[in-house]
Protein backbone atom coordinates (compact mmCIF):
# COMPACT_ATOMS: atom_id res chain seq x y z
CA MET A 1 45.06 -6.58 14.24
CA ASN A 2 44.26 -3.69 11.99
CA GLU A 3 46.63 -0.75 12.14
CA ALA A 4 45.19 2.56 13.15
CA PRO A 5 44.61 4.76 10.12
CA HIS A 6 47.10 7.54 9.60
CA ALA A 7 45.86 10.87 10.88
CA ARG A 8 45.18 13.28 8.08
CA PRO A 9 47.64 16.18 8.10
CA ARG A 10 46.07 19.35 9.32
CA GLY A 11 45.86 22.04 6.70
CA PRO A 12 46.94 25.63 7.25
CA PRO A 13 44.50 27.77 9.23
CA GLU A 14 42.42 30.34 7.41
CA PHE A 15 42.86 33.89 8.69
CA GLY A 16 39.85 36.01 7.96
CA ALA A 17 39.36 39.74 7.67
CA ARG A 18 38.52 40.15 11.36
CA PHE A 19 41.72 38.40 12.39
CA ARG A 20 43.79 40.56 10.03
CA THR A 21 42.25 43.69 11.50
CA GLU A 22 42.95 42.52 15.04
CA LEU A 23 46.50 41.55 14.07
CA ARG A 24 47.10 45.06 12.76
CA ASP A 25 45.69 46.45 16.01
CA LEU A 26 48.16 44.24 17.88
CA PHE A 27 51.04 45.80 15.95
CA ILE A 28 49.69 49.30 16.55
CA TRP A 29 49.25 48.77 20.29
CA ARG A 30 52.63 47.06 20.78
CA ARG A 31 54.49 49.66 22.81
CA ASP A 32 57.91 50.00 24.39
CA VAL A 33 56.62 50.20 27.96
CA ARG A 34 58.43 52.13 30.72
CA HIS A 35 55.72 52.46 33.38
CA PHE A 36 54.55 49.24 35.03
CA GLN A 37 52.18 48.07 37.70
CA SER A 38 53.74 45.97 40.44
CA THR A 39 51.36 43.04 39.83
CA PRO A 40 53.46 39.91 39.19
CA ILE A 41 53.13 37.90 36.00
CA PRO A 42 51.79 34.39 36.69
CA GLU A 43 54.47 31.76 36.12
CA GLU A 44 52.26 29.78 33.76
CA LEU A 45 51.68 32.88 31.63
CA LEU A 46 55.39 33.70 31.51
CA SER A 47 56.17 30.15 30.41
CA ARG A 48 53.55 30.40 27.67
CA LEU A 49 55.03 33.67 26.41
CA LEU A 50 58.52 32.20 26.25
CA GLU A 51 57.18 29.18 24.38
CA VAL A 52 55.77 31.54 21.75
CA ALA A 53 59.09 33.40 21.58
CA CYS A 54 60.79 30.12 20.74
CA LEU A 55 58.55 29.71 17.68
CA ALA A 56 60.46 32.54 16.00
CA PRO A 57 62.40 31.92 12.79
CA SER A 58 66.15 31.41 13.10
CA VAL A 59 69.04 31.10 10.68
CA GLY A 60 69.65 27.44 9.86
CA LEU A 61 67.13 26.47 12.55
CA SER A 62 69.86 27.35 15.05
CA GLU A 63 67.45 28.69 17.71
CA PRO A 64 70.28 30.72 19.29
CA TRP A 65 68.18 32.65 21.79
CA ARG A 66 68.91 32.19 25.48
CA PHE A 67 66.60 33.82 28.04
CA VAL A 68 67.88 34.56 31.54
CA ILE A 69 65.11 35.41 34.02
CA VAL A 70 66.73 37.79 36.50
CA GLU A 71 65.20 37.37 39.95
CA ASP A 72 68.10 37.94 42.33
CA ALA A 73 67.87 41.38 43.99
CA GLY A 74 71.64 41.85 43.99
CA ARG A 75 71.96 41.17 40.28
CA ARG A 76 69.03 43.47 39.53
CA ALA A 77 70.70 46.22 41.55
CA ALA A 78 73.92 45.73 39.60
CA ILE A 79 72.02 45.96 36.30
CA ARG A 80 70.38 49.15 37.57
CA ALA A 81 73.80 50.64 38.42
CA CYS A 82 75.07 49.68 34.96
CA PHE A 83 72.13 51.45 33.38
CA GLU A 84 72.70 54.60 35.45
CA ALA A 85 76.37 54.78 34.44
CA CYS A 86 75.60 54.23 30.74
CA ASN A 87 72.73 56.70 30.83
CA LYS A 88 74.99 59.43 32.22
CA ASP A 89 77.42 58.83 29.36
CA ALA A 90 74.56 58.95 26.85
CA LEU A 91 73.31 62.22 28.32
CA ARG A 92 76.74 63.82 27.94
CA ALA A 93 76.79 62.71 24.29
CA GLN A 94 73.53 64.53 23.48
CA SER A 95 73.57 67.80 21.59
CA GLU A 96 72.83 70.92 23.60
CA ASP A 97 69.31 71.29 22.22
CA ARG A 98 68.49 67.64 22.98
CA ALA A 99 70.12 67.19 26.38
CA SER A 100 67.30 68.78 28.37
CA LEU A 101 64.62 66.62 26.75
CA TYR A 102 66.78 63.50 27.06
CA ALA A 103 67.20 64.09 30.79
CA ARG A 104 63.41 64.08 31.21
CA LEU A 105 62.86 60.82 29.35
CA LYS A 106 62.05 57.67 31.32
CA LEU A 107 64.19 55.17 29.48
CA ALA A 108 63.83 52.08 31.64
CA GLY A 109 61.27 50.35 33.83
CA LEU A 110 63.88 48.56 35.89
CA ASP A 111 62.48 49.68 39.24
CA ASP A 112 58.83 48.86 38.60
CA ALA A 113 58.69 45.88 36.24
CA PRO A 114 58.05 42.64 38.14
CA CYS A 115 59.86 40.52 35.54
CA HIS A 116 63.33 41.06 34.06
CA ILE A 117 64.62 38.91 31.21
CA ALA A 118 68.02 39.20 29.57
CA ALA A 119 67.95 37.90 26.00
CA PHE A 120 71.25 36.55 24.69
CA ALA A 121 72.34 35.11 21.36
CA ASP A 122 74.52 32.00 21.69
CA ASP A 123 77.19 32.73 19.11
CA GLY A 124 78.83 29.38 19.76
CA THR A 125 75.84 27.14 19.15
CA GLN A 126 76.42 24.28 16.74
CA GLN A 127 72.69 23.73 16.24
CA GLY A 128 71.88 24.42 12.61
CA HIS A 129 75.41 23.42 11.55
CA ARG A 130 76.22 27.08 10.86
CA LEU A 131 73.93 27.13 7.82
CA GLY A 132 73.56 30.71 6.57
CA ARG A 133 76.14 32.09 9.00
CA HIS A 134 79.34 31.93 6.96
CA THR A 135 78.52 35.03 4.94
CA MET A 136 76.34 36.80 7.52
CA PRO A 137 77.30 35.67 11.05
CA GLU A 138 75.21 38.49 12.52
CA THR A 139 72.08 36.50 11.62
CA ILE A 140 72.49 34.75 14.98
CA ALA A 141 71.69 38.07 16.67
CA TYR A 142 68.96 38.82 14.13
CA SER A 143 67.31 35.51 14.98
CA THR A 144 67.27 36.46 18.64
CA VAL A 145 65.69 39.80 17.75
CA ALA A 146 62.93 37.86 15.96
CA ALA A 147 62.34 35.86 19.14
CA ILE A 148 62.16 39.06 21.18
CA HIS A 149 59.62 40.54 18.79
CA SER A 150 57.54 37.35 18.94
CA LEU A 151 57.62 37.59 22.74
CA TRP A 152 56.67 41.27 22.53
CA LEU A 153 53.58 40.64 20.42
CA ALA A 154 52.50 37.61 22.44
CA ALA A 155 52.85 39.63 25.63
CA ARG A 156 50.77 42.49 24.23
CA ALA A 157 48.03 40.02 23.28
CA GLU A 158 47.93 38.93 26.95
CA GLY A 159 47.80 42.51 28.24
CA ILE A 160 51.48 42.42 29.23
CA GLY A 161 53.83 45.28 28.40
CA LEU A 162 57.48 44.92 27.41
CA GLY A 163 60.25 47.50 27.60
CA TRP A 164 63.54 46.91 25.80
CA VAL A 165 66.46 48.43 27.73
CA SER A 166 69.48 49.02 25.50
CA ILE A 167 71.37 51.63 27.53
CA LEU A 168 73.61 49.00 29.08
CA ASP A 169 77.16 47.70 28.75
CA PRO A 170 76.69 44.20 27.24
CA ALA A 171 79.95 42.85 28.67
CA ARG A 172 79.06 44.13 32.13
CA VAL A 173 75.58 42.57 31.97
CA ALA A 174 77.06 39.24 30.87
CA ALA A 175 79.44 39.36 33.83
CA ILE A 176 76.68 40.25 36.29
CA LEU A 177 74.57 37.35 35.10
CA ASP A 178 77.53 34.95 34.85
CA VAL A 179 76.67 33.54 31.42
CA PRO A 180 78.95 31.65 29.00
CA ALA A 181 81.45 33.73 27.03
CA ALA A 182 79.81 32.88 23.70
CA TRP A 183 76.51 34.42 24.78
CA LYS A 184 76.09 37.97 23.47
CA LEU A 185 73.51 40.31 24.98
CA VAL A 186 70.83 41.37 22.50
CA GLY A 187 68.28 42.96 24.82
CA TYR A 188 67.42 43.41 28.47
CA LEU A 189 63.64 43.17 28.76
CA CYS A 190 61.29 44.49 31.42
CA LEU A 191 57.86 42.83 31.51
CA GLY A 192 54.73 43.64 33.46
CA TYR A 193 51.22 45.01 33.27
CA PRO A 194 51.39 48.57 31.86
CA ALA A 195 50.54 51.45 34.18
CA GLU A 196 49.26 53.40 31.16
CA GLU A 197 48.30 52.65 27.57
CA GLY A 198 48.87 54.46 24.30
CA ASP A 199 48.45 53.72 20.60
CA SER A 200 51.52 55.77 19.66
CA PRO A 201 55.13 55.56 20.86
CA LEU A 202 55.91 57.46 24.06
CA LEU A 203 58.93 59.09 22.41
CA GLU A 204 56.63 60.42 19.71
CA ARG A 205 54.18 61.79 22.26
CA LEU A 206 57.02 63.52 24.12
CA GLY A 207 58.35 65.13 20.96
CA TRP A 208 61.61 63.18 20.74
CA GLU A 209 60.94 61.84 17.24
CA GLN A 210 58.13 61.23 14.76
CA ARG A 211 57.24 58.05 12.93
CA ARG A 212 57.96 57.97 9.21
CA HIS A 213 55.45 56.81 6.64
CA SER A 214 56.36 53.53 4.97
CA ALA A 215 56.58 55.32 1.60
CA GLY A 216 59.65 57.13 2.92
CA VAL A 217 61.65 53.94 3.46
CA VAL A 218 60.66 51.88 0.41
CA ILE A 219 62.62 52.15 -2.83
CA ARG A 220 62.43 50.26 -6.11
CA ARG A 221 65.24 49.26 -8.42
């Protein structure tokens, strides 16, 4: 019996000018969303987004990201209380000229977003055999950030908004969600269909800060 011929390896895809333009548009329209519709995200779509997130690069191929989908109402309420406490502390830390504006900012979509995901980095993972982590152990967290950004872009391409909530006590969130001790919180993510759209950051539109041109952050040696 003749053996089946080996399948020819598929070459890399060719990305044309139209794709590059649309990719740049995707980056421009990726927003940190705070206002959501209540429409739920289909389970199949959420699974597809998380699959894309797991295509992110990771140090030593460690794939340290761990995604906890938070559905329990009691745990969500506890996360909300944690945010409120941390936000009050952050408000008190603002300068006098910034406190009023800070108090008006909507910094989380916890009440409206239909989907909550806590993204952790598993600092204890042995996958990857610790390659690249002896000199820079923080690359485990960096790898998880790459996965979050991949999720963010994939979500935007599907018309889904993502809001990254960082005004939280990581240890408290880990306790609320009852995760292993080696898991370190990197980001608490709110996902849903945006209630509004904008091609510039909300904080820029509200006068909190302005984007810098790339020339201002690039140096040569």
